[in-house]
Amino acid sequence: MLVLDMESENNNNNPAEAEYWFSRFLENFSKIPRQHINTLVVLKLGCYEILPLPLKRCFLYYCRLFPKGFEIERETLINLWVAQGFIYSYSSPSKSVENVGYEYFEYLEYRSFFKATGRNYIVPSLMHELGILVSGAARSIQYVSFELESSKIPTSVAFQAKRLRALTVFPNNQLRREIEGGLSQPIYHKTTSNCKLLRALYLHNSVMEIVPDSIGKLKHLRYLDIFGNPDIKALPNSITTLHGLITLKLSSCYGLKELPRDIKKLINLKHLEIDWCYNLTHMPSGLGQLTQLEKLSEFVLLNNKEGNIWNSCSLKELAKLNNLRGELKIKNLGNSEDDYSCKILKEKRELRSLTLSWDFIANVGGG
């Protein structure tokens, strides 16, 4: 199990808990080669200490949530920073927090805190060790990462569930082999019931098959990643009560058939990623009300063969989403009775790529 702590909360006077976290720090610190210690002290004084506080937080966030050598997309990391409130744009009101986040990242990369590995990035080994050194023996945590070895909630989460701001889960290979059809629902139900201050929940490839209805209790959630869980067929409508949600990643959930019917309530949603959700039949009515949307990877029109779905979204609603940028794919045009004239794309000046598909492909990879 990997546990990396964040900021101290000195009002916690539980001796058993303090002893536990100090032992975790010693365990992580002992992994640093002795010959690196002096180098790390120099790096701390010459590189880390001169960073502005927001950039320190951004760097340490990766080190505490992801193991050494973990590859991550730049955009994903920036979205996680945004979810935690690390990025400030008040000095540049004309820039979005995401654009400021890119500037943060470029500066950290220039200073060698991040290194490109193809399309992704890692924190170099020595810099990751620096992150462990800087972390210190905190008595409380806000950000936790762990390798899930069983259906039992780790001690780290049990201790600090009510204070956690971010949680990342990595099921190990043994558990993947032992569990048929995905993890049991109770562990996720307990997590979402107890960690009510979570801002980011990273369940990437976490072999889950059901998103618990209790996800709606995470009222502070800004970032939810359930990428690569092919057994998930639907999301609970309770997820639409998360009015602060900014990023929702559902790509490679091959079995997903529909989005929550009240998705229009997610008024602050900026990023909706649904690539490779091959069984998704339509977009829910009201999607056009999500005018903050900047990333919508796919727009799936209802296949007439599926029948009349009362809450399906028409192409006209896409006309309202003029903040879209990047790439967009419109699927199933051939089976739609909508007027797909260029008027709906007229104001979408930030789009870089547009793919139009007339074929409907379903039941691929699951469902």
Protein backbone atom coordinates (compact mmCIF):
# COMPACT_ATOMS: atom_id res chain seq x y z
CA MET A 1 0.00 0.00 0.00
CA LEU A 2 1.24 3.50 -0.79
CA VAL A 3 0.16 6.32 1.50
CA LEU A 4 1.46 9.83 1.01
CA ASP A 5 0.40 12.65 3.28
CA MET A 6 -0.21 16.32 2.67
CA GLU A 7 -0.74 19.06 5.21
CA SER A 8 -0.61 18.91 8.96
CA GLU A 9 -3.67 19.60 11.05
CA ASN A 10 -2.22 20.15 14.51
CA ASN A 11 -5.57 19.99 16.23
CA ASN A 12 -5.52 16.20 15.89
CA ASN A 13 -4.40 14.76 19.23
CA ASN A 14 -4.98 11.06 18.64
CA PRO A 15 -1.65 9.41 19.74
CA ALA A 16 -2.37 6.16 17.90
CA GLU A 17 -3.05 8.03 14.69
CA ALA A 18 0.06 10.19 15.07
CA GLU A 19 2.18 7.08 15.64
CA TYR A 20 0.65 5.42 12.58
CA TRP A 21 1.41 8.35 10.27
CA PHE A 22 4.95 8.75 11.61
CA SER A 23 5.60 5.08 10.84
CA ARG A 24 4.28 5.59 7.30
CA PHE A 25 6.64 8.54 6.84
CA LEU A 26 9.62 6.52 8.07
CA GLU A 27 8.68 3.70 5.70
CA ASN A 28 8.60 6.05 2.71
CA PHE A 29 11.72 7.92 3.80
CA SER A 30 13.66 4.67 4.21
CA LYS A 31 13.13 3.95 0.50
CA ILE A 32 15.30 6.93 -0.45
CA PRO A 33 18.88 5.78 -1.22
CA ARG A 34 21.28 7.17 1.35
CA GLN A 35 23.55 8.61 -1.31
CA HIS A 36 20.66 10.78 -2.56
CA ILE A 37 20.01 12.59 0.73
CA ASN A 38 22.62 15.33 0.29
CA THR A 39 21.54 15.89 -3.32
CA LEU A 40 17.92 16.18 -2.19
CA VAL A 41 18.84 18.79 0.42
CA VAL A 42 20.52 20.86 -2.31
CA LEU A 43 17.49 20.44 -4.59
CA LYS A 44 15.18 21.49 -1.78
CA LEU A 45 17.12 24.69 -1.11
CA GLY A 46 17.97 25.53 -4.72
CA CYS A 47 14.81 24.43 -6.57
CA TYR A 48 11.86 23.71 -4.33
CA GLU A 49 12.11 26.55 -1.81
CA ILE A 50 12.09 29.25 -4.50
CA LEU A 51 8.78 28.04 -5.93
CA PRO A 52 5.67 30.13 -5.20
CA LEU A 53 3.30 28.39 -2.78
CA PRO A 54 0.71 27.39 -5.45
CA LEU A 55 3.42 25.66 -7.51
CA LYS A 56 4.74 23.84 -4.44
CA ARG A 57 1.25 22.47 -3.84
CA CYS A 58 0.89 21.40 -7.48
CA PHE A 59 4.20 19.53 -7.45
CA LEU A 60 3.60 17.80 -4.12
CA TYR A 61 0.08 16.83 -5.13
CA TYR A 62 1.44 14.48 -7.81
CA CYS A 63 4.06 13.03 -5.47
CA ARG A 64 1.47 12.22 -2.82
CA LEU A 65 -1.22 10.80 -5.06
CA PHE A 66 0.79 8.83 -7.61
CA PRO A 67 3.64 6.33 -7.24
CA LYS A 68 7.11 6.96 -8.61
CA GLY A 69 7.20 6.64 -12.39
CA PHE A 70 3.43 6.98 -12.82
CA GLU A 71 2.59 8.49 -16.23
CA ILE A 72 -0.18 11.06 -16.38
CA GLU A 73 -1.62 13.34 -19.03
CA ARG A 74 -0.89 17.00 -18.53
CA GLU A 75 -4.55 17.94 -18.90
CA THR A 76 -5.59 15.37 -16.28
CA LEU A 77 -3.14 16.75 -13.75
CA ILE A 78 -4.22 20.33 -14.40
CA ASN A 79 -7.88 19.34 -13.93
CA LEU A 80 -6.93 17.76 -10.61
CA TRP A 81 -5.17 20.96 -9.56
CA VAL A 82 -8.25 22.98 -10.48
CA ALA A 83 -10.45 20.64 -8.42
CA GLN A 84 -8.32 21.30 -5.35
CA GLY A 85 -8.29 25.08 -5.82
CA PHE A 86 -4.52 25.29 -6.31
CA ILE A 87 -4.73 27.59 -9.32
CA TYR A 88 -5.36 31.29 -8.99
CA SER A 89 -6.37 33.48 -11.95
CA TYR A 90 -7.16 36.74 -10.13
CA SER A 91 -3.89 38.26 -11.36
CA SER A 92 -4.95 37.42 -14.94
CA PRO A 93 -8.76 37.74 -14.98
CA SER A 94 -8.88 37.34 -18.76
CA LYS A 95 -7.40 33.83 -18.49
CA SER A 96 -9.25 30.70 -17.44
CA VAL A 97 -7.92 28.74 -14.49
CA GLU A 98 -7.06 25.95 -16.94
CA ASN A 99 -4.87 28.31 -18.98
CA VAL A 100 -3.14 29.49 -15.82
CA GLY A 101 -2.70 25.83 -14.92
CA TYR A 102 -0.88 25.24 -18.21
CA GLU A 103 1.46 28.09 -17.32
CA TYR A 104 2.09 26.51 -13.91
CA PHE A 105 2.86 23.20 -15.58
CA GLU A 106 5.20 24.71 -18.18
CA TYR A 107 7.18 26.44 -15.45
CA LEU A 108 7.45 23.22 -13.41
CA GLU A 109 8.50 21.30 -16.51
CA TYR A 110 11.10 23.95 -17.32
CA ARG A 111 12.47 23.55 -13.79
CA SER A 112 12.62 19.75 -14.31
CA PHE A 113 9.91 18.90 -11.78
CA PHE A 114 8.11 17.12 -14.63
CA LYS A 115 9.50 15.21 -17.59
CA ALA A 116 7.77 14.28 -20.86
CA THR A 117 7.45 10.60 -21.76
CA GLY A 118 5.79 10.73 -25.15
CA ARG A 119 2.32 12.23 -24.69
CA ASN A 120 2.38 11.82 -20.91
CA TYR A 121 4.50 13.11 -18.06
CA ILE A 122 6.21 11.80 -14.95
CA VAL A 123 8.03 13.31 -12.02
CA PRO A 124 11.68 12.24 -12.34
CA SER A 125 12.83 9.76 -9.71
CA LEU A 126 15.01 12.16 -7.77
CA MET A 127 12.34 14.83 -7.75
CA HIS A 128 9.81 12.29 -6.49
CA GLU A 129 12.17 11.47 -3.63
CA LEU A 130 12.37 15.20 -2.95
CA GLY A 131 8.60 15.24 -2.62
CA ILE A 132 8.81 12.51 0.03
CA LEU A 133 11.53 14.41 1.87
CA VAL A 134 9.57 17.67 1.84
CA SER A 135 6.37 16.00 3.00
CA GLY A 136 7.74 15.34 6.46
CA ALA A 137 6.01 13.40 9.19
CA ALA A 138 2.60 15.07 9.05
CA ARG A 139 0.06 14.01 11.62
CA SER A 140 -2.89 14.29 9.32
CA ILE A 141 -3.61 13.83 5.65
CA GLN A 142 -5.81 15.36 3.02
CA TYR A 143 -4.66 13.37 -0.02
CA VAL A 144 -4.34 9.58 -0.13
CA SER A 145 -3.33 7.00 -2.71
CA PHE A 146 -3.42 3.28 -2.06
CA GLU A 147 -3.13 -0.04 -3.79
CA LEU A 148 -6.28 -1.98 -3.08
CA GLU A 149 -5.36 -5.47 -1.91
CA SER A 150 -8.76 -6.61 -0.65
CA SER A 151 -12.30 -5.41 -0.16
CA LYS A 152 -11.30 -4.04 3.26
CA ILE A 153 -10.93 -0.26 3.57
CA PRO A 154 -7.26 0.57 4.30
CA THR A 155 -6.32 2.02 7.69
CA SER A 156 -5.27 5.25 5.99
CA VAL A 157 -8.77 5.90 4.71
CA ALA A 158 -10.46 4.72 7.90
CA PHE A 159 -8.37 7.11 9.99
CA GLN A 160 -8.89 10.18 7.87
CA ALA A 161 -12.08 9.61 5.88
CA LYS A 162 -13.81 12.76 7.10
CA ARG A 163 -10.84 14.98 6.18
CA LEU A 164 -9.82 13.59 2.82
CA ARG A 165 -9.77 15.96 -0.14
CA ALA A 166 -8.51 13.47 -2.76
CA LEU A 167 -8.50 9.70 -3.05
CA THR A 168 -6.80 7.55 -5.67
CA VAL A 169 -7.31 3.77 -5.85
CA PHE A 170 -5.07 1.28 -7.64
CA PRO A 171 -6.39 -2.31 -7.50
CA ASN A 172 -3.46 -4.73 -7.57
CA ASN A 173 -3.20 -7.56 -10.09
CA GLN A 174 -3.91 -10.27 -7.54
CA LEU A 175 -7.18 -8.66 -6.55
CA ARG A 176 -8.14 -8.28 -10.21
CA ARG A 177 -7.66 -12.02 -10.71
CA GLU A 178 -9.56 -12.98 -7.56
CA ILE A 179 -12.66 -10.88 -8.13
CA GLU A 180 -14.93 -11.87 -10.96
CA GLY A 181 -17.06 -9.13 -12.43
CA GLY A 182 -15.47 -6.29 -10.46
CA LEU A 183 -15.17 -5.14 -6.88
CA SER A 184 -18.05 -5.55 -4.50
CA GLN A 185 -20.13 -2.43 -4.12
CA PRO A 186 -19.78 -2.07 -0.32
CA ILE A 187 -16.19 -0.73 -0.35
CA TYR A 188 -17.13 2.10 -2.68
CA HIS A 189 -20.33 2.73 -0.77
CA LYS A 190 -18.36 3.08 2.47
CA THR A 191 -15.82 5.34 0.80
CA THR A 192 -18.41 7.67 -0.69
CA SER A 193 -20.45 7.66 2.52
CA ASN A 194 -17.57 8.66 4.79
CA CYS A 195 -15.31 10.88 2.66
CA LYS A 196 -17.74 13.75 2.40
CA LEU A 197 -15.12 16.48 1.84
CA LEU A 198 -13.59 14.81 -1.22
CA ARG A 199 -12.84 17.13 -4.11
CA ALA A 200 -11.24 14.52 -6.39
CA LEU A 201 -11.97 10.79 -6.71
CA TYR A 202 -9.71 8.84 -9.08
CA LEU A 203 -11.07 5.34 -9.80
CA HIS A 204 -9.26 4.84 -13.10
CA ASN A 205 -9.43 1.14 -14.14
CA SER A 206 -10.68 0.21 -10.68
CA VAL A 207 -12.67 -2.90 -11.76
CA MET A 208 -15.94 -1.56 -10.38
CA GLU A 209 -19.27 -2.55 -11.89
CA ILE A 210 -21.65 -0.28 -9.98
CA VAL A 211 -21.31 3.38 -9.07
CA PRO A 212 -23.09 3.58 -5.69
CA ASP A 213 -26.01 5.92 -5.24
CA SER A 214 -24.16 7.36 -2.23
CA ILE A 215 -21.85 9.19 -4.68
CA GLY A 216 -24.42 11.98 -4.39
CA LYS A 217 -23.25 12.63 -0.80
CA LEU A 218 -19.91 14.00 -2.01
CA LYS A 219 -21.18 17.55 -2.31
CA HIS A 220 -17.67 19.03 -2.57
CA LEU A 221 -16.60 16.76 -5.44
CA ARG A 222 -15.06 18.62 -8.38
CA TYR A 223 -13.35 15.77 -10.23
CA LEU A 224 -14.59 12.21 -10.84
CA ASP A 225 -12.61 9.75 -12.96
CA ILE A 226 -14.03 6.27 -13.55
CA PHE A 227 -12.23 5.73 -16.86
CA GLY A 228 -11.81 2.13 -17.97
CA ASN A 229 -14.53 0.36 -15.98
CA PRO A 230 -16.27 -1.65 -18.73
CA ASP A 231 -18.84 -3.33 -16.46
CA ILE A 232 -20.56 -0.07 -15.53
CA LYS A 233 -23.84 0.15 -17.44
CA ALA A 234 -25.36 3.26 -15.89
CA LEU A 235 -24.65 6.07 -13.46
CA PRO A 236 -26.98 6.85 -10.56
CA ASN A 237 -29.02 9.99 -11.07
CA SER A 238 -27.80 11.13 -7.64
CA ILE A 239 -24.58 12.15 -9.35
CA THR A 240 -26.48 15.13 -10.79
CA THR A 241 -26.73 16.63 -7.30
CA LEU A 242 -22.97 17.30 -7.40
CA HIS A 243 -23.45 20.85 -8.59
CA GLY A 244 -19.77 21.73 -8.17
CA LEU A 245 -18.54 18.92 -10.43
CA ILE A 246 -16.16 20.27 -13.08
CA THR A 247 -14.66 17.13 -14.64
CA LEU A 248 -16.40 13.80 -15.34
CA LYS A 249 -14.30 11.12 -17.06
CA LEU A 250 -16.20 8.11 -18.38
CA SER A 251 -14.09 7.07 -21.36
CA SER A 252 -13.63 3.33 -22.02
CA CYS A 253 -16.68 2.44 -19.96
CA TYR A 254 -17.70 0.16 -22.82
CA GLY A 255 -20.89 -1.08 -21.18
CA LEU A 256 -22.27 2.37 -20.37
CA LYS A 257 -25.64 2.72 -22.10
CA GLU A 258 -26.85 6.12 -20.97
CA LEU A 259 -25.87 9.23 -19.04
CA PRO A 260 -27.90 10.43 -16.03
CA ARG A 261 -31.26 11.81 -17.14
CA ASP A 262 -30.82 15.03 -15.09
CA ILE A 263 -27.29 15.78 -16.26
CA LYS A 264 -28.44 19.32 -17.04
CA LYS A 265 -28.20 20.02 -13.29
CA LEU A 266 -24.41 19.79 -13.41
CA ILE A 267 -24.24 23.49 -14.17
CA ASN A 268 -20.49 23.84 -13.51
CA LEU A 269 -19.41 20.88 -15.64
CA LYS A 270 -16.59 21.82 -18.00
CA HIS A 271 -15.19 18.47 -19.11
CA LEU A 272 -17.29 15.46 -20.11
CA GLU A 273 -15.18 12.68 -21.58
CA ILE A 274 -17.05 9.72 -23.11
CA ASP A 275 -14.65 8.36 -25.72
CA TRP A 276 -15.03 4.65 -26.53
CA CYS A 277 -18.37 4.30 -24.72
CA TYR A 278 -19.55 2.15 -27.60
CA ASN A 279 -22.93 1.24 -26.12
CA LEU A 280 -24.01 4.79 -25.35
CA THR A 281 -27.30 5.21 -27.21
CA HIS A 282 -28.04 8.94 -26.88
CA MET A 283 -27.38 12.16 -25.03
CA PRO A 284 -29.93 13.13 -22.38
CA SER A 285 -32.30 16.01 -22.94
CA GLY A 286 -31.11 19.31 -21.50
CA LEU A 287 -27.44 18.81 -22.28
CA GLY A 288 -27.50 22.14 -24.08
CA GLN A 289 -28.04 23.87 -20.72
CA LEU A 290 -24.48 22.98 -19.69
CA THR A 291 -23.13 26.16 -21.22
CA GLN A 292 -19.86 25.93 -19.24
CA LEU A 293 -18.85 22.80 -21.18
CA GLU A 294 -15.44 23.18 -22.81
CA LYS A 295 -14.70 19.53 -23.54
CA LEU A 296 -17.31 17.16 -24.93
CA SER A 297 -15.47 14.35 -26.65
CA GLU A 298 -18.55 12.85 -28.32
CA PHE A 299 -22.15 13.80 -29.05
CA VAL A 300 -24.27 10.70 -29.66
CA LEU A 301 -27.57 11.12 -31.49
CA LEU A 302 -30.42 8.70 -30.90
CA ASN A 303 -30.54 5.80 -33.29
CA ASN A 304 -34.12 5.56 -34.60
CA LYS A 305 -33.85 1.79 -34.29
CA GLU A 306 -33.64 2.24 -30.52
CA GLY A 307 -37.16 3.61 -30.48
CA ASN A 308 -38.42 6.86 -29.04
CA ILE A 309 -36.50 7.73 -25.87
CA TRP A 310 -38.42 10.57 -24.30
CA ASN A 311 -35.42 12.29 -22.74
CA SER A 312 -33.04 12.05 -25.69
CA CYS A 313 -31.17 15.15 -26.81
CA SER A 314 -31.53 16.61 -30.29
CA LEU A 315 -28.73 18.09 -32.34
CA LYS A 316 -30.22 21.55 -31.79
CA GLU A 317 -28.98 21.52 -28.20
CA LEU A 318 -25.42 21.31 -29.44
CA ALA A 319 -25.90 24.80 -30.89
CA LYS A 320 -25.97 26.23 -27.34
CA LEU A 321 -22.55 24.83 -26.38
CA ASN A 322 -20.35 27.55 -27.81
CA ASN A 323 -17.50 27.20 -25.30
CA LEU A 324 -16.52 23.82 -26.73
CA ARG A 325 -12.87 23.52 -27.67
CA GLY A 326 -10.46 20.82 -28.75
CA GLU A 327 -11.98 17.78 -30.45
CA LEU A 328 -15.62 16.79 -31.00
CA LYS A 329 -17.15 13.76 -32.67
CA ILE A 330 -20.84 13.73 -33.64
CA LYS A 331 -22.08 10.15 -34.02
CA ASN A 332 -25.10 8.55 -35.66
CA LEU A 333 -25.99 11.35 -38.05
CA GLY A 334 -27.30 8.86 -40.62
CA ASN A 335 -30.08 7.64 -38.35
CA SER A 336 -31.15 11.04 -37.10
CA GLU A 337 -34.04 13.11 -38.40
CA ASP A 338 -32.42 16.28 -37.07
CA ASP A 339 -31.35 19.09 -39.33
CA TYR A 340 -27.56 18.96 -39.14
CA SER A 341 -26.79 22.15 -40.98
CA CYS A 342 -23.61 24.07 -40.26
CA LYS A 343 -25.52 26.62 -38.18
CA ILE A 344 -25.00 24.58 -35.03
CA LEU A 345 -21.22 24.89 -35.43
CA LYS A 346 -21.09 28.55 -36.42
CA GLU A 347 -20.04 29.97 -33.05
CA LYS A 348 -17.66 27.15 -32.04
CA ARG A 349 -14.47 28.93 -32.95
CA GLU A 350 -12.28 27.07 -30.45
CA LEU A 351 -12.83 23.61 -31.96
CA ARG A 352 -9.65 22.17 -33.48
CA SER A 353 -11.07 18.91 -34.81
CA LEU A 354 -14.55 17.82 -35.87
CA THR A 355 -15.47 14.25 -36.83
CA LEU A 356 -18.89 13.47 -38.31
CA SER A 357 -20.06 9.86 -38.24
CA TRP A 358 -23.13 8.50 -40.04
CA ASP A 359 -22.80 4.94 -38.74
CA PHE A 360 -24.06 3.69 -35.41
CA ILE A 361 -21.94 1.02 -33.76
CA ALA A 362 -23.23 -0.67 -30.63
CA ASN A 363 -22.46 -3.62 -28.41
CA VAL A 364 -18.69 -3.44 -28.83
CA GLY A 365 -16.55 -4.46 -25.89
CA GLY A 366 -19.39 -5.01 -23.46
CA GLY A 367 -23.03 -4.42 -22.69
